[in-house]
Amino acid sequence: MEEALRLTGELGIPVYLNRYLKRANSIEEYVSDLGNIFQNERFAGFDIYEFAHVSRPTPNASELVPVEDRLEQIREKAKTLGIR
């Protein structure tokens, strides 16, 4: 990974971490990774992937319903990082 980050940096190619929520050991690990990527200038961003594990639409698709407290934990981490 270090070599890939070095090369993409040299070439000016933005790199985003695509982190699978379901593959993380916990939501705490997931939001920790979000913080680590945010603070690492070699990354351009963090892709919140598998959104269905974070929030789902109601049957009539009029609103989103959080899955457990995952959306709130991601939102809180974003606030602490200054992400709006």
N, C-alpha and C. Protein backbone atom coordinates (compact mmCIF):
# COMPACT_ATOMS: atom_id res chain seq x y z
N MET A 1 0.82 -1.18 0.00
CA MET A 1 0.00 0.00 0.00
C MET A 1 0.87 1.26 0.00
N GLU A 2 1.96 1.23 0.73
CA GLU A 2 2.83 2.41 0.79
C GLU A 2 3.33 2.81 -0.59
N GLU A 3 3.73 1.82 -1.38
CA GLU A 3 4.23 2.11 -2.73
C GLU A 3 3.12 2.71 -3.60
N ALA A 4 1.91 2.18 -3.49
CA ALA A 4 0.78 2.70 -4.26
C ALA A 4 0.48 4.14 -3.85
N LEU A 5 0.51 4.43 -2.56
CA LEU A 5 0.25 5.79 -2.10
C LEU A 5 1.35 6.75 -2.56
N ARG A 6 2.59 6.28 -2.56
CA ARG A 6 3.70 7.12 -3.03
C ARG A 6 3.52 7.45 -4.50
N LEU A 7 3.23 6.43 -5.31
CA LEU A 7 3.09 6.62 -6.75
C LEU A 7 1.89 7.50 -7.08
N THR A 8 0.74 7.25 -6.44
CA THR A 8 -0.42 8.09 -6.73
C THR A 8 -0.17 9.53 -6.30
N GLY A 9 0.59 9.70 -5.22
CA GLY A 9 0.94 11.06 -4.80
C GLY A 9 1.81 11.75 -5.82
N GLU A 10 2.81 11.04 -6.34
CA GLU A 10 3.69 11.60 -7.36
C GLU A 10 2.92 11.96 -8.63
N LEU A 11 1.93 11.15 -8.97
CA LEU A 11 1.16 11.37 -10.20
C LEU A 11 -0.04 12.30 -10.00
N GLY A 12 -0.29 12.68 -8.76
CA GLY A 12 -1.42 13.58 -8.48
C GLY A 12 -2.78 12.90 -8.62
N ILE A 13 -2.81 11.60 -8.37
CA ILE A 13 -4.07 10.84 -8.48
C ILE A 13 -4.69 10.76 -7.09
N PRO A 14 -5.94 11.23 -6.94
CA PRO A 14 -6.57 11.16 -5.62
C PRO A 14 -6.90 9.72 -5.23
N VAL A 15 -6.73 9.42 -3.96
CA VAL A 15 -7.00 8.08 -3.44
C VAL A 15 -8.07 8.18 -2.35
N TYR A 16 -9.08 7.35 -2.47
CA TYR A 16 -10.16 7.29 -1.49
C TYR A 16 -10.16 5.89 -0.88
N LEU A 17 -10.36 5.82 0.43
CA LEU A 17 -10.49 4.51 1.06
C LEU A 17 -11.94 4.07 0.93
N ASN A 18 -12.14 2.92 0.35
CA ASN A 18 -13.47 2.32 0.22
C ASN A 18 -13.56 1.26 1.30
N ARG A 19 -14.13 1.62 2.42
CA ARG A 19 -14.17 0.74 3.59
C ARG A 19 -15.53 0.07 3.67
N TYR A 20 -15.54 -1.24 3.64
CA TYR A 20 -16.78 -2.00 3.76
C TYR A 20 -17.20 -2.04 5.22
N LEU A 21 -18.34 -1.49 5.52
CA LEU A 21 -18.82 -1.46 6.89
C LEU A 21 -19.03 -2.86 7.44
N LYS A 22 -19.59 -3.72 6.66
CA LYS A 22 -19.89 -5.06 7.16
C LYS A 22 -18.60 -5.86 7.43
N ARG A 23 -17.51 -5.53 6.79
CA ARG A 23 -16.24 -6.25 7.02
C ARG A 23 -15.45 -5.70 8.20
N ALA A 24 -15.81 -4.52 8.68
CA ALA A 24 -15.14 -3.97 9.86
C ALA A 24 -15.53 -4.81 11.07
N ASN A 25 -14.64 -4.89 12.03
CA ASN A 25 -14.95 -5.64 13.24
C ASN A 25 -16.06 -4.99 14.03
N SER A 26 -16.16 -3.67 13.94
CA SER A 26 -17.18 -2.93 14.69
C SER A 26 -17.36 -1.56 14.06
N ILE A 27 -18.45 -0.90 14.41
CA ILE A 27 -18.66 0.46 13.94
C ILE A 27 -17.58 1.38 14.51
N GLU A 28 -17.08 1.06 15.70
CA GLU A 28 -16.00 1.85 16.30
C GLU A 28 -14.75 1.79 15.44
N GLU A 29 -14.42 0.61 14.90
CA GLU A 29 -13.27 0.48 14.00
C GLU A 29 -13.50 1.28 12.73
N TYR A 30 -14.72 1.24 12.23
CA TYR A 30 -15.07 1.95 11.01
C TYR A 30 -14.87 3.46 11.18
N VAL A 31 -15.42 4.03 12.25
CA VAL A 31 -15.28 5.47 12.45
C VAL A 31 -13.84 5.84 12.80
N SER A 32 -13.12 4.93 13.42
CA SER A 32 -11.69 5.17 13.68
C SER A 32 -10.93 5.28 12.35
N ASP A 33 -11.25 4.39 11.42
CA ASP A 33 -10.62 4.45 10.09
C ASP A 33 -10.97 5.76 9.39
N LEU A 34 -12.21 6.22 9.54
CA LEU A 34 -12.61 7.50 8.96
C LEU A 34 -11.72 8.62 9.49
N GLY A 35 -11.48 8.62 10.80
CA GLY A 35 -10.61 9.63 11.40
C GLY A 35 -9.18 9.53 10.92
N ASN A 36 -8.67 8.31 10.82
CA ASN A 36 -7.29 8.12 10.37
C ASN A 36 -7.10 8.59 8.93
N ILE A 37 -8.05 8.29 8.08
CA ILE A 37 -7.96 8.70 6.67
C ILE A 37 -8.07 10.22 6.56
N PHE A 38 -8.97 10.81 7.33
CA PHE A 38 -9.15 12.25 7.30
C PHE A 38 -7.86 12.98 7.66
N GLN A 39 -7.10 12.42 8.57
CA GLN A 39 -5.87 13.05 9.05
C GLN A 39 -4.65 12.68 8.20
N ASN A 40 -4.82 11.80 7.22
CA ASN A 40 -3.70 11.37 6.38
C ASN A 40 -3.79 12.09 5.04
N GLU A 41 -2.89 13.03 4.81
CA GLU A 41 -2.96 13.87 3.61
C GLU A 41 -2.77 13.09 2.30
N ARG A 42 -2.34 11.84 2.38
CA ARG A 42 -2.18 11.04 1.17
C ARG A 42 -3.52 10.56 0.62
N PHE A 43 -4.57 10.68 1.42
CA PHE A 43 -5.90 10.26 1.00
C PHE A 43 -6.76 11.47 0.69
N ALA A 44 -7.56 11.36 -0.37
CA ALA A 44 -8.47 12.44 -0.75
C ALA A 44 -9.82 12.30 -0.06
N GLY A 45 -10.12 11.12 0.46
CA GLY A 45 -11.40 10.96 1.13
C GLY A 45 -11.69 9.54 1.55
N PHE A 46 -12.89 9.37 2.09
CA PHE A 46 -13.35 8.11 2.65
C PHE A 46 -14.72 7.82 2.06
N ASP A 47 -14.87 6.68 1.44
CA ASP A 47 -16.12 6.30 0.79
C ASP A 47 -16.97 5.50 1.77
N ILE A 48 -18.11 6.06 2.16
CA ILE A 48 -19.02 5.32 3.03
C ILE A 48 -19.78 4.35 2.14
N TYR A 49 -19.27 3.13 2.13
CA TYR A 49 -19.77 2.11 1.22
C TYR A 49 -20.74 1.20 1.97
N GLU A 50 -21.56 0.52 1.22
CA GLU A 50 -22.59 -0.36 1.78
C GLU A 50 -23.54 0.43 2.67
N PHE A 51 -24.07 1.51 2.13
CA PHE A 51 -24.92 2.40 2.92
C PHE A 51 -26.13 1.66 3.50
N ALA A 52 -26.53 0.56 2.89
CA ALA A 52 -27.67 -0.21 3.42
C ALA A 52 -27.38 -0.75 4.80
N HIS A 53 -26.11 -0.81 5.20
CA HIS A 53 -25.77 -1.24 6.56
C HIS A 53 -25.76 -0.06 7.52
N VAL A 54 -26.00 1.14 6.99
CA VAL A 54 -26.03 2.35 7.80
C VAL A 54 -27.45 2.87 7.95
N SER A 55 -28.19 2.88 6.84
CA SER A 55 -29.55 3.41 6.83
C SER A 55 -30.32 2.80 5.66
N ARG A 56 -31.63 2.64 5.85
CA ARG A 56 -32.47 2.05 4.81
C ARG A 56 -33.72 2.87 4.63
N PRO A 57 -34.31 2.83 3.43
CA PRO A 57 -35.55 3.58 3.21
C PRO A 57 -36.75 2.89 3.86
N THR A 58 -37.74 3.69 4.21
CA THR A 58 -39.00 3.12 4.66
C THR A 58 -39.67 2.45 3.47
N PRO A 59 -40.67 1.61 3.70
CA PRO A 59 -41.33 0.91 2.59
C PRO A 59 -41.85 1.83 1.48
N ASN A 60 -42.30 3.03 1.84
CA ASN A 60 -42.78 3.95 0.81
C ASN A 60 -41.68 4.89 0.30
N ALA A 61 -40.46 4.67 0.75
CA ALA A 61 -39.27 5.43 0.33
C ALA A 61 -39.38 6.92 0.63
N SER A 62 -40.13 7.27 1.66
CA SER A 62 -40.29 8.68 1.99
C SER A 62 -39.22 9.20 2.94
N GLU A 63 -38.53 8.29 3.62
CA GLU A 63 -37.46 8.71 4.53
C GLU A 63 -36.50 7.57 4.77
N LEU A 64 -35.36 7.91 5.38
CA LEU A 64 -34.37 6.90 5.74
C LEU A 64 -34.48 6.56 7.21
N VAL A 65 -34.29 5.29 7.52
CA VAL A 65 -34.32 4.81 8.89
C VAL A 65 -32.94 4.27 9.23
N PRO A 66 -32.30 4.80 10.27
CA PRO A 66 -30.96 4.31 10.64
C PRO A 66 -30.95 2.84 11.02
N VAL A 67 -29.87 2.16 10.70
CA VAL A 67 -29.64 0.79 11.14
C VAL A 67 -28.79 0.89 12.40
N GLU A 68 -29.34 0.41 13.52
CA GLU A 68 -28.70 0.54 14.81
C GLU A 68 -28.33 2.00 15.03
N ASP A 69 -27.16 2.29 15.55
CA ASP A 69 -26.74 3.69 15.75
C ASP A 69 -25.57 4.05 14.85
N ARG A 70 -25.40 3.31 13.77
CA ARG A 70 -24.23 3.50 12.90
C ARG A 70 -24.19 4.88 12.26
N LEU A 71 -25.32 5.34 11.74
CA LEU A 71 -25.35 6.65 11.09
C LEU A 71 -24.99 7.75 12.09
N GLU A 72 -25.53 7.63 13.30
CA GLU A 72 -25.23 8.63 14.32
C GLU A 72 -23.75 8.62 14.70
N GLN A 73 -23.15 7.45 14.79
CA GLN A 73 -21.72 7.38 15.12
C GLN A 73 -20.86 7.98 14.01
N ILE A 74 -21.22 7.72 12.76
CA ILE A 74 -20.49 8.33 11.64
C ILE A 74 -20.67 9.84 11.66
N ARG A 75 -21.90 10.28 11.90
CA ARG A 75 -22.19 11.72 11.97
C ARG A 75 -21.38 12.39 13.09
N GLU A 76 -21.34 11.77 14.26
CA GLU A 76 -20.59 12.33 15.39
C GLU A 76 -19.09 12.40 15.08
N LYS A 77 -18.55 11.36 14.45
CA LYS A 77 -17.13 11.37 14.09
C LYS A 77 -16.86 12.49 13.09
N ALA A 78 -17.75 12.64 12.12
CA ALA A 78 -17.59 13.71 11.13
C ALA A 78 -17.58 15.07 11.81
N LYS A 79 -18.45 15.27 12.79
CA LYS A 79 -18.49 16.54 13.52
C LYS A 79 -17.18 16.80 14.24
N THR A 80 -16.63 15.76 14.90
CA THR A 80 -15.37 15.96 15.63
C THR A 80 -14.22 16.28 14.69
N LEU A 81 -14.33 15.82 13.43
CA LEU A 81 -13.30 16.10 12.44
C LEU A 81 -13.52 17.42 11.71
N GLY A 82 -14.66 18.05 11.97
CA GLY A 82 -14.96 19.32 11.31
C GLY A 82 -15.57 19.15 9.93
N ILE A 83 -16.09 17.95 9.65
CA ILE A 83 -16.75 17.68 8.37
C ILE A 83 -18.22 18.03 8.54
N ARG A 84 -18.76 18.77 7.61
CA ARG A 84 -20.19 19.13 7.71
C ARG A 84 -21.03 18.22 6.89
